[in-house]
N, C-alpha and C. Protein backbone atom coordinates (compact mmCIF):
# COMPACT_ATOMS: atom_id res chain seq x y z
N UNK A 1 0.84 -1.18 0.00
CA UNK A 1 0.00 0.00 0.00
C UNK A 1 0.89 1.24 0.00
N UNK A 2 0.56 2.22 -0.85
CA UNK A 2 1.34 3.44 -0.95
C UNK A 2 0.90 4.43 0.13
N UNK A 3 1.83 5.28 0.58
CA UNK A 3 1.42 6.31 1.53
C UNK A 3 0.51 7.34 0.85
N UNK A 4 -0.33 7.96 1.65
CA UNK A 4 -1.30 8.93 1.12
C UNK A 4 -0.62 10.20 0.63
N UNK A 5 0.50 10.53 1.22
CA UNK A 5 1.19 11.76 0.83
C UNK A 5 2.48 11.42 0.08
N UNK A 6 2.68 12.16 -0.98
CA UNK A 6 3.91 12.01 -1.74
C UNK A 6 4.68 13.33 -1.58
N UNK A 7 5.90 13.26 -1.08
CA UNK A 7 6.64 14.51 -0.87
C UNK A 7 6.96 15.19 -2.21
N UNK A 8 6.58 16.45 -2.31
CA UNK A 8 6.87 17.24 -3.51
C UNK A 8 7.50 18.56 -3.09
N UNK A 9 8.40 19.03 -3.89
CA UNK A 9 9.02 20.32 -3.63
C UNK A 9 8.35 21.36 -4.51
N UNK A 10 7.85 22.40 -3.88
CA UNK A 10 7.19 23.47 -4.61
C UNK A 10 8.18 24.63 -4.72
N UNK A 11 8.39 25.10 -5.93
CA UNK A 11 9.32 26.20 -6.17
C UNK A 11 8.52 27.47 -6.44
N UNK A 12 8.83 28.52 -5.71
CA UNK A 12 8.15 29.80 -5.92
C UNK A 12 8.58 30.40 -7.25
N UNK A 13 7.65 31.00 -7.98
CA UNK A 13 8.01 31.60 -9.27
C UNK A 13 8.87 32.86 -9.08
N UNK A 14 9.78 33.09 -10.01
CA UNK A 14 10.64 34.27 -9.95
C UNK A 14 9.98 35.49 -10.57
N UNK A 15 9.08 35.27 -11.50
CA UNK A 15 8.40 36.39 -12.15
C UNK A 15 7.02 35.92 -12.61
N UNK A 16 6.18 36.87 -12.99
CA UNK A 16 4.83 36.53 -13.43
C UNK A 16 4.85 35.66 -14.67
N UNK A 17 5.89 35.81 -15.49
CA UNK A 17 6.00 35.02 -16.71
C UNK A 17 6.22 33.54 -16.45
N UNK A 18 6.65 33.19 -15.23
CA UNK A 18 6.85 31.78 -14.88
C UNK A 18 5.54 31.05 -14.63
N UNK A 19 4.47 31.78 -14.39
CA UNK A 19 3.15 31.18 -14.15
C UNK A 19 2.38 31.07 -15.46
N UNK A 20 1.57 30.03 -15.60
CA UNK A 20 0.70 30.00 -16.78
C UNK A 20 -0.29 31.17 -16.70
N UNK A 21 -0.39 31.93 -17.74
CA UNK A 21 -1.23 33.12 -17.81
C UNK A 21 -0.81 34.17 -16.78
N UNK A 22 0.43 34.13 -16.38
CA UNK A 22 0.92 35.01 -15.31
C UNK A 22 0.81 36.48 -15.63
N UNK A 23 1.14 36.87 -16.86
CA UNK A 23 1.07 38.28 -17.22
C UNK A 23 -0.37 38.79 -17.18
N UNK A 24 -1.30 37.94 -17.56
CA UNK A 24 -2.71 38.34 -17.48
C UNK A 24 -3.18 38.47 -16.04
N UNK A 25 -2.70 37.58 -15.16
CA UNK A 25 -3.04 37.68 -13.74
C UNK A 25 -2.49 38.98 -13.16
N UNK A 26 -1.25 39.34 -13.53
CA UNK A 26 -0.65 40.57 -13.03
C UNK A 26 -1.44 41.78 -13.49
N UNK A 27 -1.83 41.82 -14.74
CA UNK A 27 -2.61 42.94 -15.27
C UNK A 27 -3.97 43.04 -14.56
N UNK A 28 -4.61 41.90 -14.33
CA UNK A 28 -5.91 41.88 -13.64
C UNK A 28 -5.76 42.37 -12.20
N UNK A 29 -4.69 41.95 -11.54
CA UNK A 29 -4.43 42.39 -10.17
C UNK A 29 -4.17 43.89 -10.12
N UNK A 30 -3.38 44.38 -11.05
CA UNK A 30 -3.12 45.82 -11.11
C UNK A 30 -4.40 46.61 -11.35
N UNK A 31 -5.26 46.10 -12.22
CA UNK A 31 -6.54 46.77 -12.50
C UNK A 31 -7.41 46.84 -11.25
N UNK A 32 -7.40 45.79 -10.44
CA UNK A 32 -8.23 45.77 -9.23
C UNK A 32 -7.62 46.63 -8.12
N UNK A 33 -6.30 46.68 -8.04
CA UNK A 33 -5.64 47.44 -6.97
C UNK A 33 -5.57 48.94 -7.27
N UNK A 34 -5.56 49.30 -8.53
CA UNK A 34 -5.35 50.70 -8.92
C UNK A 34 -6.32 51.67 -8.25
N UNK A 35 -7.63 51.40 -8.17
CA UNK A 35 -8.53 52.34 -7.47
C UNK A 35 -8.22 52.47 -5.98
N UNK A 36 -7.64 51.45 -5.38
CA UNK A 36 -7.36 51.48 -3.95
C UNK A 36 -6.06 52.21 -3.63
N UNK A 37 -5.15 52.29 -4.58
CA UNK A 37 -3.86 52.93 -4.32
C UNK A 37 -4.02 54.40 -3.93
N UNK A 38 -4.99 55.09 -4.48
CA UNK A 38 -5.19 56.50 -4.12
C UNK A 38 -5.75 56.66 -2.71
N UNK A 39 -6.31 55.60 -2.15
CA UNK A 39 -6.90 55.65 -0.81
C UNK A 39 -5.95 55.17 0.28
N UNK A 40 -4.77 54.68 -0.11
CA UNK A 40 -3.81 54.17 0.87
C UNK A 40 -2.97 55.31 1.42
N UNK A 41 -2.80 55.31 2.74
CA UNK A 41 -1.98 56.31 3.40
C UNK A 41 -0.99 55.60 4.30
N UNK A 42 0.13 56.22 4.54
CA UNK A 42 1.13 55.64 5.42
C UNK A 42 2.51 56.09 5.00
N UNK A 43 3.51 55.47 5.61
CA UNK A 43 4.89 55.85 5.35
C UNK A 43 5.58 54.92 4.36
N UNK A 44 5.23 53.64 4.38
CA UNK A 44 5.92 52.68 3.52
C UNK A 44 4.93 51.67 2.96
N UNK A 45 5.22 51.22 1.76
CA UNK A 45 4.47 50.13 1.14
C UNK A 45 5.46 48.99 0.99
N UNK A 46 5.24 47.93 1.71
CA UNK A 46 6.17 46.80 1.72
C UNK A 46 5.81 45.82 0.62
N UNK A 47 6.79 45.53 -0.20
CA UNK A 47 6.62 44.54 -1.25
C UNK A 47 7.54 43.37 -0.92
N UNK A 48 6.94 42.21 -0.75
CA UNK A 48 7.72 41.02 -0.39
C UNK A 48 7.69 40.06 -1.56
N UNK A 49 8.84 39.70 -2.04
CA UNK A 49 8.92 38.72 -3.12
C UNK A 49 8.99 39.35 -4.50
N UNK A 50 9.35 38.54 -5.45
CA UNK A 50 9.54 39.01 -6.82
C UNK A 50 8.23 39.40 -7.49
N UNK A 51 7.16 38.68 -7.21
CA UNK A 51 5.90 38.96 -7.89
C UNK A 51 5.35 40.33 -7.48
N UNK A 52 5.39 40.64 -6.20
CA UNK A 52 4.87 41.94 -5.76
C UNK A 52 5.76 43.08 -6.24
N UNK A 53 7.04 42.82 -6.44
CA UNK A 53 7.94 43.86 -6.93
C UNK A 53 7.61 44.26 -8.36
N UNK A 54 7.00 43.37 -9.12
CA UNK A 54 6.67 43.65 -10.51
C UNK A 54 5.33 44.36 -10.68
N UNK A 55 4.55 44.49 -9.61
CA UNK A 55 3.24 45.13 -9.71
C UNK A 55 3.43 46.64 -9.80
N UNK A 56 2.81 47.25 -10.79
CA UNK A 56 2.90 48.69 -11.01
C UNK A 56 2.01 49.40 -10.00
N UNK A 57 2.62 50.19 -9.12
CA UNK A 57 1.84 50.92 -8.11
C UNK A 57 2.24 52.39 -8.10
N UNK A 58 2.41 52.96 -9.28
CA UNK A 58 2.78 54.37 -9.38
C UNK A 58 1.68 55.30 -8.87
N UNK A 59 0.44 54.85 -8.89
CA UNK A 59 -0.68 55.68 -8.43
C UNK A 59 -0.76 55.76 -6.91
N UNK A 60 0.03 54.95 -6.21
CA UNK A 60 -0.02 54.91 -4.75
C UNK A 60 0.77 56.09 -4.18
N UNK A 61 0.19 56.77 -3.19
CA UNK A 61 0.85 57.90 -2.54
C UNK A 61 1.88 57.46 -1.51
N UNK A 62 1.83 56.19 -1.11
CA UNK A 62 2.76 55.66 -0.12
C UNK A 62 4.10 55.43 -0.80
N UNK A 63 5.18 55.85 -0.13
CA UNK A 63 6.50 55.64 -0.71
C UNK A 63 6.85 54.15 -0.69
N UNK A 64 7.51 53.71 -1.74
CA UNK A 64 7.87 52.30 -1.85
C UNK A 64 9.18 52.15 -2.58
C-alpha cells in the first residue's frame, strides 16, 4: 500500500512570466488594486517577493 502523501518540492516563481497566464493575472491584479492605491496612506508600502515587486503601483501615494 502506498502512503497517502507524496513529498513534492514546490518552487516559488521568480516572475509573473513563470506562471501559466501570469502576465494576465498581473494585469488583472493591477486593475483591481489601482482604485485602492489612491486611498492608501502611510509611510511605507512593503513589497515582499519578486511577484509583488513587478506590480505597477505608481498611483499609490505611499513611498515604496
